[in-house]
All heavy atoms as atom14 arrays in JSON, in Angstrom:
{
  "sequence": "VRDMQANEVLLLKCFDTRRDGRARYTAHTGFVNPECPPGVPARESI",
  "atom14_mask": [
    [1, 1, 1, 1, 1, 1, 1, 0, 0, 0, 0, 0, 0, 0],
    [1, 1, 1, 1, 1, 1, 1, 1, 1, 1, 1, 0, 0, 0],
    [1, 1, 1, 1, 1, 1, 1, 1, 0, 0, 0, 0, 0, 0],
    [1, 1, 1, 1, 1, 1, 1, 1, 0, 0, 0, 0, 0, 0],
    [1, 1, 1, 1, 1, 1, 1, 1, 1, 0, 0, 0, 0, 0],
    [1, 1, 1, 1, 1, 0, 0, 0, 0, 0, 0, 0, 0, 0],
    [1, 1, 1, 1, 1, 1, 1, 1, 0, 0, 0, 0, 0, 0],
    [1, 1, 1, 1, 1, 1, 1, 1, 1, 0, 0, 0, 0, 0],
    [1, 1, 1, 1, 1, 1, 1, 0, 0, 0, 0, 0, 0, 0],
    [1, 1, 1, 1, 1, 1, 1, 1, 0, 0, 0, 0, 0, 0],
    [1, 1, 1, 1, 1, 1, 1, 1, 0, 0, 0, 0, 0, 0],
    [1, 1, 1, 1, 1, 1, 1, 1, 0, 0, 0, 0, 0, 0],
    [1, 1, 1, 1, 1, 1, 1, 1, 1, 0, 0, 0, 0, 0],
    [1, 1, 1, 1, 1, 1, 0, 0, 0, 0, 0, 0, 0, 0],
    [1, 1, 1, 1, 1, 1, 1, 1, 1, 1, 1, 0, 0, 0],
    [1, 1, 1, 1, 1, 1, 1, 1, 0, 0, 0, 0, 0, 0],
    [1, 1, 1, 1, 1, 1, 1, 0, 0, 0, 0, 0, 0, 0],
    [1, 1, 1, 1, 1, 1, 1, 1, 1, 1, 1, 0, 0, 0],
    [1, 1, 1, 1, 1, 1, 1, 1, 1, 1, 1, 0, 0, 0],
    [1, 1, 1, 1, 1, 1, 1, 1, 0, 0, 0, 0, 0, 0],
    [1, 1, 1, 1, 0, 0, 0, 0, 0, 0, 0, 0, 0, 0],
    [1, 1, 1, 1, 1, 1, 1, 1, 1, 1, 1, 0, 0, 0],
    [1, 1, 1, 1, 1, 0, 0, 0, 0, 0, 0, 0, 0, 0],
    [1, 1, 1, 1, 1, 1, 1, 1, 1, 1, 1, 0, 0, 0],
    [1, 1, 1, 1, 1, 1, 1, 1, 1, 1, 1, 1, 0, 0],
    [1, 1, 1, 1, 1, 1, 1, 0, 0, 0, 0, 0, 0, 0],
    [1, 1, 1, 1, 1, 0, 0, 0, 0, 0, 0, 0, 0, 0],
    [1, 1, 1, 1, 1, 1, 1, 1, 1, 1, 0, 0, 0, 0],
    [1, 1, 1, 1, 1, 1, 1, 0, 0, 0, 0, 0, 0, 0],
    [1, 1, 1, 1, 0, 0, 0, 0, 0, 0, 0, 0, 0, 0],
    [1, 1, 1, 1, 1, 1, 1, 1, 1, 1, 1, 0, 0, 0],
    [1, 1, 1, 1, 1, 1, 1, 0, 0, 0, 0, 0, 0, 0],
    [1, 1, 1, 1, 1, 1, 1, 1, 0, 0, 0, 0, 0, 0],
    [1, 1, 1, 1, 1, 1, 1, 0, 0, 0, 0, 0, 0, 0],
    [1, 1, 1, 1, 1, 1, 1, 1, 1, 0, 0, 0, 0, 0],
    [1, 1, 1, 1, 1, 1, 0, 0, 0, 0, 0, 0, 0, 0],
    [1, 1, 1, 1, 1, 1, 1, 0, 0, 0, 0, 0, 0, 0],
    [1, 1, 1, 1, 1, 1, 1, 0, 0, 0, 0, 0, 0, 0],
    [1, 1, 1, 1, 0, 0, 0, 0, 0, 0, 0, 0, 0, 0],
    [1, 1, 1, 1, 1, 1, 1, 0, 0, 0, 0, 0, 0, 0],
    [1, 1, 1, 1, 1, 1, 1, 0, 0, 0, 0, 0, 0, 0],
    [1, 1, 1, 1, 1, 0, 0, 0, 0, 0, 0, 0, 0, 0],
    [1, 1, 1, 1, 1, 1, 1, 1, 1, 1, 1, 0, 0, 0],
    [1, 1, 1, 1, 1, 1, 1, 1, 1, 0, 0, 0, 0, 0],
    [1, 1, 1, 1, 1, 1, 0, 0, 0, 0, 0, 0, 0, 0],
    [1, 1, 1, 1, 1, 1, 1, 1, 0, 0, 0, 0, 0, 0]
  ],
  "atom14_positions": [
    [[-9.02, -158.8, 56.48], [-9.57, -157.76, 55.71], [-8.75, -157.79, 54.4], [-7.58, -157.51, 54.34], [-9.31, -156.36, 56.41], [-9.84, -155.25, 55.54], [-9.92, -156.37, 57.74], [0.0, 0.0, 0.0], [0.0, 0.0, 0.0], [0.0, 0.0, 0.0], [0.0, 0.0, 0.0], [0.0, 0.0, 0.0], [0.0, 0.0, 0.0], [0.0, 0.0, 0.0]],
    [[-9.54, -158.18, 53.29], [-8.8, -158.21, 52.0], [-8.28, -156.94, 51.6], [-8.89, -155.78, 51.71], [-9.94, -158.68, 51.02], [-9.22, -159.09, 49.64], [-10.4, -159.29, 48.56], [-11.35, -160.24, 48.91], [-11.21, -161.62, 48.59], [-10.16, -161.98, 47.84], [-12.08, -162.53, 48.9], [0.0, 0.0, 0.0], [0.0, 0.0, 0.0], [0.0, 0.0, 0.0]],
    [[-7.03, -157.02, 51.08], [-6.39, -155.76, 50.47], [-6.29, -154.55, 51.45], [-6.68, -153.44, 51.08], [-7.12, -155.38, 49.18], [-7.03, -156.41, 48.06], [-6.11, -157.22, 48.09], [-7.87, -156.36, 47.09], [0.0, 0.0, 0.0], [0.0, 0.0, 0.0], [0.0, 0.0, 0.0], [0.0, 0.0, 0.0], [0.0, 0.0, 0.0], [0.0, 0.0, 0.0]],
    [[-5.92, -154.84, 52.67], [-5.8, -153.77, 53.64], [-4.77, -152.78, 53.1], [-3.82, -153.02, 52.37], [-5.16, -154.22, 54.98], [-6.4, -154.67, 55.96], [-5.71, -154.98, 57.62], [-5.53, -153.3, 58.14], [0.0, 0.0, 0.0], [0.0, 0.0, 0.0], [0.0, 0.0, 0.0], [0.0, 0.0, 0.0], [0.0, 0.0, 0.0], [0.0, 0.0, 0.0]],
    [[-5.17, -151.44, 53.4], [-4.45, -150.31, 52.99], [-3.63, -149.69, 54.21], [-3.96, -149.91, 55.28], [-5.31, -149.22, 52.31], [-5.99, -149.82, 51.11], [-5.1, -149.93, 49.85], [-3.97, -149.48, 49.83], [-5.65, -150.66, 48.82], [0.0, 0.0, 0.0], [0.0, 0.0, 0.0], [0.0, 0.0, 0.0], [0.0, 0.0, 0.0], [0.0, 0.0, 0.0]],
    [[-2.65, -148.81, 53.86], [-1.76, -148.16, 54.92], [-2.69, -147.17, 55.69], [-2.2, -146.71, 56.81], [-0.63, -147.48, 54.24], [0.0, 0.0, 0.0], [0.0, 0.0, 0.0], [0.0, 0.0, 0.0], [0.0, 0.0, 0.0], [0.0, 0.0, 0.0], [0.0, 0.0, 0.0], [0.0, 0.0, 0.0], [0.0, 0.0, 0.0], [0.0, 0.0, 0.0]],
    [[-3.88, -146.85, 55.27], [-4.62, -145.93, 56.12], [-5.78, -146.69, 56.89], [-6.71, -146.06, 57.35], [-5.47, -144.9, 55.15], [-6.41, -145.5, 54.22], [-6.43, -146.76, 54.06], [-7.29, -144.66, 53.63], [0.0, 0.0, 0.0], [0.0, 0.0, 0.0], [0.0, 0.0, 0.0], [0.0, 0.0, 0.0], [0.0, 0.0, 0.0], [0.0, 0.0, 0.0]],
    [[-5.47, -148.03, 57.08], [-6.43, -148.83, 57.89], [-5.59, -149.51, 58.97], [-4.44, -149.84, 58.88], [-7.04, -149.89, 57.0], [-8.01, -149.33, 55.93], [-8.58, -150.38, 54.99], [-7.83, -151.36, 54.55], [-9.78, -150.28, 54.87], [0.0, 0.0, 0.0], [0.0, 0.0, 0.0], [0.0, 0.0, 0.0], [0.0, 0.0, 0.0], [0.0, 0.0, 0.0]],
    [[-6.35, -149.59, 60.23], [-5.73, -150.1, 61.42], [-6.64, -151.23, 61.9], [-7.81, -150.9, 62.11], [-5.49, -149.07, 62.43], [-4.75, -149.72, 63.61], [-4.66, -147.97, 61.85], [0.0, 0.0, 0.0], [0.0, 0.0, 0.0], [0.0, 0.0, 0.0], [0.0, 0.0, 0.0], [0.0, 0.0, 0.0], [0.0, 0.0, 0.0], [0.0, 0.0, 0.0]],
    [[-6.12, -152.43, 62.13], [-6.9, -153.47, 62.69], [-6.53, -153.56, 64.25], [-5.34, -153.68, 64.58], [-6.53, -154.85, 62.05], [-7.51, -155.99, 62.3], [-8.87, -155.68, 61.75], [-6.9, -157.25, 61.61], [0.0, 0.0, 0.0], [0.0, 0.0, 0.0], [0.0, 0.0, 0.0], [0.0, 0.0, 0.0], [0.0, 0.0, 0.0], [0.0, 0.0, 0.0]],
    [[-7.5, -153.38, 65.07], [-7.4, -153.44, 66.46], [-7.73, -154.88, 67.01], [-8.72, -155.37, 66.7], [-8.4, -152.46, 67.16], [-8.27, -151.01, 66.65], [-9.27, -150.14, 67.42], [-6.92, -150.41, 66.67], [0.0, 0.0, 0.0], [0.0, 0.0, 0.0], [0.0, 0.0, 0.0], [0.0, 0.0, 0.0], [0.0, 0.0, 0.0], [0.0, 0.0, 0.0]],
    [[-6.86, -155.37, 67.89], [-6.98, -156.69, 68.34], [-6.96, -156.71, 69.89], [-5.96, -156.21, 70.44], [-5.9, -157.67, 67.92], [-5.33, -157.56, 66.49], [-4.08, -158.34, 66.31], [-6.38, -158.04, 65.5], [0.0, 0.0, 0.0], [0.0, 0.0, 0.0], [0.0, 0.0, 0.0], [0.0, 0.0, 0.0], [0.0, 0.0, 0.0], [0.0, 0.0, 0.0]],
    [[-7.95, -157.23, 70.53], [-7.87, -157.32, 72.0], [-7.21, -158.61, 72.4], [-7.57, -159.74, 72.12], [-9.34, -157.33, 72.55], [-9.28, -157.21, 74.18], [-10.65, -157.42, 74.73], [-11.59, -156.3, 74.51], [-12.88, -156.56, 75.21], [0.0, 0.0, 0.0], [0.0, 0.0, 0.0], [0.0, 0.0, 0.0], [0.0, 0.0, 0.0], [0.0, 0.0, 0.0]],
    [[-6.06, -158.51, 73.18], [-5.33, -159.59, 73.48], [-5.4, -159.94, 74.96], [-4.89, -160.97, 75.37], [-3.76, -159.28, 73.17], [-3.46, -159.22, 71.42], [0.0, 0.0, 0.0], [0.0, 0.0, 0.0], [0.0, 0.0, 0.0], [0.0, 0.0, 0.0], [0.0, 0.0, 0.0], [0.0, 0.0, 0.0], [0.0, 0.0, 0.0], [0.0, 0.0, 0.0]],
    [[-6.05, -159.1, 75.77], [-6.35, -159.39, 77.19], [-7.36, -158.39, 77.74], [-7.27, -157.21, 77.34], [-5.01, -159.4, 78.04], [-5.29, -159.64, 79.54], [-5.72, -160.87, 79.93], [-5.21, -158.57, 80.41], [-5.99, -161.01, 81.35], [-5.61, -158.78, 81.77], [-5.92, -160.01, 82.25], [0.0, 0.0, 0.0], [0.0, 0.0, 0.0], [0.0, 0.0, 0.0]],
    [[-8.17, -158.82, 78.58], [-9.1, -157.95, 79.32], [-9.3, -158.39, 80.66], [-9.45, -159.63, 80.92], [-10.53, -157.98, 78.55], [-11.37, -156.75, 78.86], [-11.51, -156.46, 80.06], [-11.93, -156.17, 77.98], [0.0, 0.0, 0.0], [0.0, 0.0, 0.0], [0.0, 0.0, 0.0], [0.0, 0.0, 0.0], [0.0, 0.0, 0.0], [0.0, 0.0, 0.0]],
    [[-9.21, -157.49, 81.68], [-9.37, -157.84, 83.05], [-10.74, -158.21, 83.43], [-10.97, -158.92, 84.45], [-8.89, -156.72, 83.98], [-9.71, -155.59, 83.7], [-7.46, -156.24, 83.67], [0.0, 0.0, 0.0], [0.0, 0.0, 0.0], [0.0, 0.0, 0.0], [0.0, 0.0, 0.0], [0.0, 0.0, 0.0], [0.0, 0.0, 0.0], [0.0, 0.0, 0.0]],
    [[-11.72, -157.82, 82.64], [-13.08, -158.07, 82.94], [-13.52, -159.44, 82.55], [-13.11, -160.0, 81.53], [-14.0, -157.06, 82.19], [-13.74, -155.6, 82.77], [-14.36, -154.57, 81.8], [-13.66, -154.54, 80.47], [-13.92, -153.58, 79.54], [-14.81, -152.7, 79.78], [-13.19, -153.71, 78.46], [0.0, 0.0, 0.0], [0.0, 0.0, 0.0], [0.0, 0.0, 0.0]],
    [[-14.35, -160.07, 83.4], [-14.87, -161.46, 83.11], [-16.38, -161.43, 83.17], [-17.01, -162.3, 83.87], [-14.36, -162.36, 84.28], [-12.82, -162.44, 84.41], [-12.43, -163.16, 85.7], [-11.01, -163.28, 85.81], [-10.28, -164.3, 85.44], [-10.86, -165.22, 84.74], [-8.9, -164.32, 85.57], [0.0, 0.0, 0.0], [0.0, 0.0, 0.0], [0.0, 0.0, 0.0]],
    [[-16.9, -160.66, 82.25], [-18.42, -160.46, 82.21], [-19.01, -160.95, 80.95], [-20.13, -160.58, 80.58], [-18.71, -158.99, 82.4], [-18.06, -158.08, 81.42], [-17.4, -158.52, 80.51], [-18.25, -156.83, 81.58], [0.0, 0.0, 0.0], [0.0, 0.0, 0.0], [0.0, 0.0, 0.0], [0.0, 0.0, 0.0], [0.0, 0.0, 0.0], [0.0, 0.0, 0.0]],
    [[-18.32, -161.82, 80.17], [-18.81, -162.31, 78.94], [-18.26, -161.71, 77.78], [-18.51, -162.25, 76.58], [0.0, 0.0, 0.0], [0.0, 0.0, 0.0], [0.0, 0.0, 0.0], [0.0, 0.0, 0.0], [0.0, 0.0, 0.0], [0.0, 0.0, 0.0], [0.0, 0.0, 0.0], [0.0, 0.0, 0.0], [0.0, 0.0, 0.0], [0.0, 0.0, 0.0]],
    [[-17.6, -160.57, 77.8], [-17.03, -159.91, 76.56], [-15.83, -160.62, 76.17], [-15.2, -161.38, 76.91], [-16.79, -158.45, 76.88], [-15.61, -158.17, 77.8], [-15.62, -156.67, 78.12], [-16.68, -156.19, 79.06], [-17.17, -155.09, 78.95], [-16.76, -154.11, 77.99], [-18.16, -154.7, 79.77], [0.0, 0.0, 0.0], [0.0, 0.0, 0.0], [0.0, 0.0, 0.0]],
    [[-15.36, -160.44, 74.94], [-14.15, -161.04, 74.39], [-12.97, -160.59, 75.29], [-12.87, -159.5, 75.66], [-13.9, -160.55, 73.04], [0.0, 0.0, 0.0], [0.0, 0.0, 0.0], [0.0, 0.0, 0.0], [0.0, 0.0, 0.0], [0.0, 0.0, 0.0], [0.0, 0.0, 0.0], [0.0, 0.0, 0.0], [0.0, 0.0, 0.0], [0.0, 0.0, 0.0]],
    [[-12.07, -161.6, 75.59], [-10.92, -161.34, 76.36], [-9.62, -161.66, 75.61], [-8.6, -161.09, 75.95], [-10.93, -162.1, 77.65], [-12.09, -161.93, 78.57], [-12.05, -162.57, 79.86], [-11.0, -162.04, 80.7], [-10.18, -162.78, 81.36], [-10.15, -164.17, 81.18], [-9.23, -162.24, 82.08], [0.0, 0.0, 0.0], [0.0, 0.0, 0.0], [0.0, 0.0, 0.0]],
    [[-9.63, -162.52, 74.63], [-8.45, -162.95, 73.92], [-8.86, -163.06, 72.42], [-9.95, -163.4, 72.06], [-7.9, -164.3, 74.42], [-7.52, -164.27, 75.85], [-8.3, -164.87, 76.75], [-6.34, -163.62, 76.27], [-8.01, -165.0, 78.06], [-5.97, -163.8, 77.55], [-6.82, -164.37, 78.55], [-6.44, -164.42, 79.86], [0.0, 0.0, 0.0], [0.0, 0.0, 0.0]],
    [[-7.83, -162.75, 71.53], [-8.06, -163.07, 70.12], [-6.81, -163.69, 69.51], [-5.74, -163.01, 69.43], [-8.37, -161.78, 69.24], [-7.48, -160.81, 69.63], [-9.82, -161.37, 69.58], [0.0, 0.0, 0.0], [0.0, 0.0, 0.0], [0.0, 0.0, 0.0], [0.0, 0.0, 0.0], [0.0, 0.0, 0.0], [0.0, 0.0, 0.0], [0.0, 0.0, 0.0]],
    [[-6.9, -165.0, 69.12], [-5.78, -165.58, 68.46], [-5.63, -165.0, 67.1], [-6.58, -164.62, 66.45], [-6.0, -167.11, 68.33], [0.0, 0.0, 0.0], [0.0, 0.0, 0.0], [0.0, 0.0, 0.0], [0.0, 0.0, 0.0], [0.0, 0.0, 0.0], [0.0, 0.0, 0.0], [0.0, 0.0, 0.0], [0.0, 0.0, 0.0], [0.0, 0.0, 0.0]],
    [[-4.39, -164.85, 66.67], [-4.1, -164.19, 65.42], [-2.78, -164.77, 64.82], [-1.96, -165.23, 65.55], [-4.04, -162.68, 65.46], [-3.13, -162.14, 66.48], [-3.38, -162.17, 67.86], [-1.84, -161.66, 66.51], [-2.46, -161.7, 68.55], [-1.45, -161.39, 67.67], [0.0, 0.0, 0.0], [0.0, 0.0, 0.0], [0.0, 0.0, 0.0], [0.0, 0.0, 0.0]],
    [[-2.61, -164.58, 63.46], [-1.38, -164.98, 62.86], [-1.36, -164.42, 61.43], [-2.42, -164.05, 60.85], [-1.25, -166.6, 62.77], [-0.05, -166.95, 62.18], [-2.42, -167.1, 62.0], [0.0, 0.0, 0.0], [0.0, 0.0, 0.0], [0.0, 0.0, 0.0], [0.0, 0.0, 0.0], [0.0, 0.0, 0.0], [0.0, 0.0, 0.0], [0.0, 0.0, 0.0]],
    [[-0.27, -164.49, 60.75], [-0.19, -164.2, 59.39], [-0.4, -165.62, 58.67], [-0.27, -166.58, 59.16], [0.0, 0.0, 0.0], [0.0, 0.0, 0.0], [0.0, 0.0, 0.0], [0.0, 0.0, 0.0], [0.0, 0.0, 0.0], [0.0, 0.0, 0.0], [0.0, 0.0, 0.0], [0.0, 0.0, 0.0], [0.0, 0.0, 0.0], [0.0, 0.0, 0.0]],
    [[-0.81, -165.51, 57.41], [-1.08, -166.65, 56.61], [-0.68, -166.5, 55.17], [-0.65, -165.3, 54.62], [-2.54, -167.17, 56.63], [-3.54, -166.25, 55.95], [-3.94, -166.61, 54.61], [-4.03, -165.14, 56.44], [-4.83, -165.83, 53.87], [-5.0, -164.35, 55.77], [-5.36, -164.67, 54.49], [0.0, 0.0, 0.0], [0.0, 0.0, 0.0], [0.0, 0.0, 0.0]],
    [[-0.35, -167.47, 54.47], [0.07, -167.42, 53.07], [-1.22, -167.39, 52.25], [-2.02, -168.28, 52.3], [0.94, -168.71, 52.7], [1.21, -168.67, 51.19], [2.24, -168.71, 53.51], [0.0, 0.0, 0.0], [0.0, 0.0, 0.0], [0.0, 0.0, 0.0], [0.0, 0.0, 0.0], [0.0, 0.0, 0.0], [0.0, 0.0, 0.0], [0.0, 0.0, 0.0]],
    [[-1.39, -166.27, 51.61], [-2.58, -165.97, 50.79], [-2.5, -166.77, 49.42], [-1.7, -166.42, 48.58], [-2.7, -164.54, 50.56], [-3.99, -164.09, 49.82], [-4.81, -164.94, 49.55], [-4.05, -162.83, 49.43], [0.0, 0.0, 0.0], [0.0, 0.0, 0.0], [0.0, 0.0, 0.0], [0.0, 0.0, 0.0], [0.0, 0.0, 0.0], [0.0, 0.0, 0.0]],
    [[-3.37, -167.73, 49.24], [-3.37, -168.5, 47.94], [-3.76, -167.64, 46.78], [-3.46, -168.0, 45.65], [-4.34, -169.6, 48.21], [-5.34, -169.06, 49.22], [-4.5, -168.22, 50.11], [0.0, 0.0, 0.0], [0.0, 0.0, 0.0], [0.0, 0.0, 0.0], [0.0, 0.0, 0.0], [0.0, 0.0, 0.0], [0.0, 0.0, 0.0], [0.0, 0.0, 0.0]],
    [[-4.38, -166.46, 46.97], [-4.69, -165.58, 45.95], [-3.71, -164.47, 45.66], [-3.87, -163.53, 44.79], [-6.08, -164.9, 46.26], [-7.26, -165.8, 46.36], [-8.58, -165.15, 46.59], [-8.53, -163.92, 46.96], [-9.61, -165.78, 46.49], [0.0, 0.0, 0.0], [0.0, 0.0, 0.0], [0.0, 0.0, 0.0], [0.0, 0.0, 0.0], [0.0, 0.0, 0.0]],
    [[-2.54, -164.59, 46.31], [-1.52, -163.64, 46.11], [-0.82, -163.79, 44.85], [-0.29, -164.82, 44.56], [-0.48, -163.65, 47.21], [0.87, -162.48, 47.02], [0.0, 0.0, 0.0], [0.0, 0.0, 0.0], [0.0, 0.0, 0.0], [0.0, 0.0, 0.0], [0.0, 0.0, 0.0], [0.0, 0.0, 0.0], [0.0, 0.0, 0.0], [0.0, 0.0, 0.0]],
    [[-0.84, -162.78, 43.85], [-0.2, -162.97, 42.58], [1.29, -162.88, 42.7], [1.81, -162.3, 43.63], [-0.78, -161.83, 41.73], [-1.12, -160.73, 42.74], [-1.58, -161.55, 43.97], [0.0, 0.0, 0.0], [0.0, 0.0, 0.0], [0.0, 0.0, 0.0], [0.0, 0.0, 0.0], [0.0, 0.0, 0.0], [0.0, 0.0, 0.0], [0.0, 0.0, 0.0]],
    [[2.04, -163.44, 41.73], [3.52, -163.38, 41.86], [3.96, -161.91, 41.65], [3.44, -161.07, 40.96], [3.98, -164.29, 40.69], [2.83, -164.27, 39.74], [1.63, -164.1, 40.58], [0.0, 0.0, 0.0], [0.0, 0.0, 0.0], [0.0, 0.0, 0.0], [0.0, 0.0, 0.0], [0.0, 0.0, 0.0], [0.0, 0.0, 0.0], [0.0, 0.0, 0.0]],
    [[5.13, -161.58, 42.32], [5.78, -160.31, 42.14], [5.23, -159.18, 42.93], [5.75, -158.03, 42.71], [0.0, 0.0, 0.0], [0.0, 0.0, 0.0], [0.0, 0.0, 0.0], [0.0, 0.0, 0.0], [0.0, 0.0, 0.0], [0.0, 0.0, 0.0], [0.0, 0.0, 0.0], [0.0, 0.0, 0.0], [0.0, 0.0, 0.0], [0.0, 0.0, 0.0]],
    [[4.27, -159.4, 43.76], [3.81, -158.29, 44.63], [4.72, -157.93, 45.71], [5.41, -158.81, 46.24], [2.34, -158.57, 45.16], [1.32, -158.91, 44.1], [2.47, -159.7, 46.22], [0.0, 0.0, 0.0], [0.0, 0.0, 0.0], [0.0, 0.0, 0.0], [0.0, 0.0, 0.0], [0.0, 0.0, 0.0], [0.0, 0.0, 0.0], [0.0, 0.0, 0.0]],
    [[4.78, -156.69, 46.19], [5.65, -156.36, 47.26], [5.4, -157.21, 48.55], [4.21, -157.51, 48.84], [5.32, -154.89, 47.55], [4.72, -154.33, 46.32], [3.98, -155.55, 45.76], [0.0, 0.0, 0.0], [0.0, 0.0, 0.0], [0.0, 0.0, 0.0], [0.0, 0.0, 0.0], [0.0, 0.0, 0.0], [0.0, 0.0, 0.0], [0.0, 0.0, 0.0]],
    [[6.43, -157.54, 49.26], [6.25, -158.3, 50.5], [5.58, -157.52, 51.48], [5.73, -156.22, 51.58], [7.68, -158.78, 50.92], [0.0, 0.0, 0.0], [0.0, 0.0, 0.0], [0.0, 0.0, 0.0], [0.0, 0.0, 0.0], [0.0, 0.0, 0.0], [0.0, 0.0, 0.0], [0.0, 0.0, 0.0], [0.0, 0.0, 0.0], [0.0, 0.0, 0.0]],
    [[4.8, -158.11, 52.33], [4.06, -157.43, 53.39], [5.05, -156.77, 54.4], [5.94, -157.52, 54.9], [3.1, -158.38, 54.09], [2.23, -157.67, 55.15], [2.67, -157.87, 56.55], [2.12, -159.02, 57.06], [2.27, -159.51, 58.34], [2.95, -158.82, 59.2], [1.76, -160.63, 58.78], [0.0, 0.0, 0.0], [0.0, 0.0, 0.0], [0.0, 0.0, 0.0]],
    [[4.77, -155.53, 54.71], [5.53, -154.89, 55.81], [4.44, -154.27, 56.72], [3.45, -153.67, 56.21], [6.47, -153.79, 55.36], [7.62, -154.43, 54.55], [8.51, -153.4, 54.01], [8.1, -152.31, 53.61], [9.8, -153.64, 53.93], [0.0, 0.0, 0.0], [0.0, 0.0, 0.0], [0.0, 0.0, 0.0], [0.0, 0.0, 0.0], [0.0, 0.0, 0.0]],
    [[4.61, -154.37, 58.01], [3.58, -153.84, 58.91], [4.17, -153.31, 60.22], [5.35, -153.68, 60.62], [2.49, -155.0, 59.16], [3.23, -156.16, 59.81], [0.0, 0.0, 0.0], [0.0, 0.0, 0.0], [0.0, 0.0, 0.0], [0.0, 0.0, 0.0], [0.0, 0.0, 0.0], [0.0, 0.0, 0.0], [0.0, 0.0, 0.0], [0.0, 0.0, 0.0]],
    [[3.37, -152.65, 61.01], [3.74, -152.2, 62.32], [2.62, -152.55, 63.23], [1.47, -152.4, 62.98], [4.07, -150.72, 62.35], [4.45, -150.35, 63.79], [2.92, -149.87, 61.96], [5.12, -148.97, 63.9], [0.0, 0.0, 0.0], [0.0, 0.0, 0.0], [0.0, 0.0, 0.0], [0.0, 0.0, 0.0], [0.0, 0.0, 0.0], [0.0, 0.0, 0.0]]
  ]
}
């Protein structure tokens, strides 16, 4: 999500007991954004 704000929350499903074809896992990671301009505040998150 480009330019996420502090009033936004991304929900990630990391496990599901059900095996009926719905999503059960989602791989995720941080990445170095090539469009990040110099001098911006470092990312902080919870």
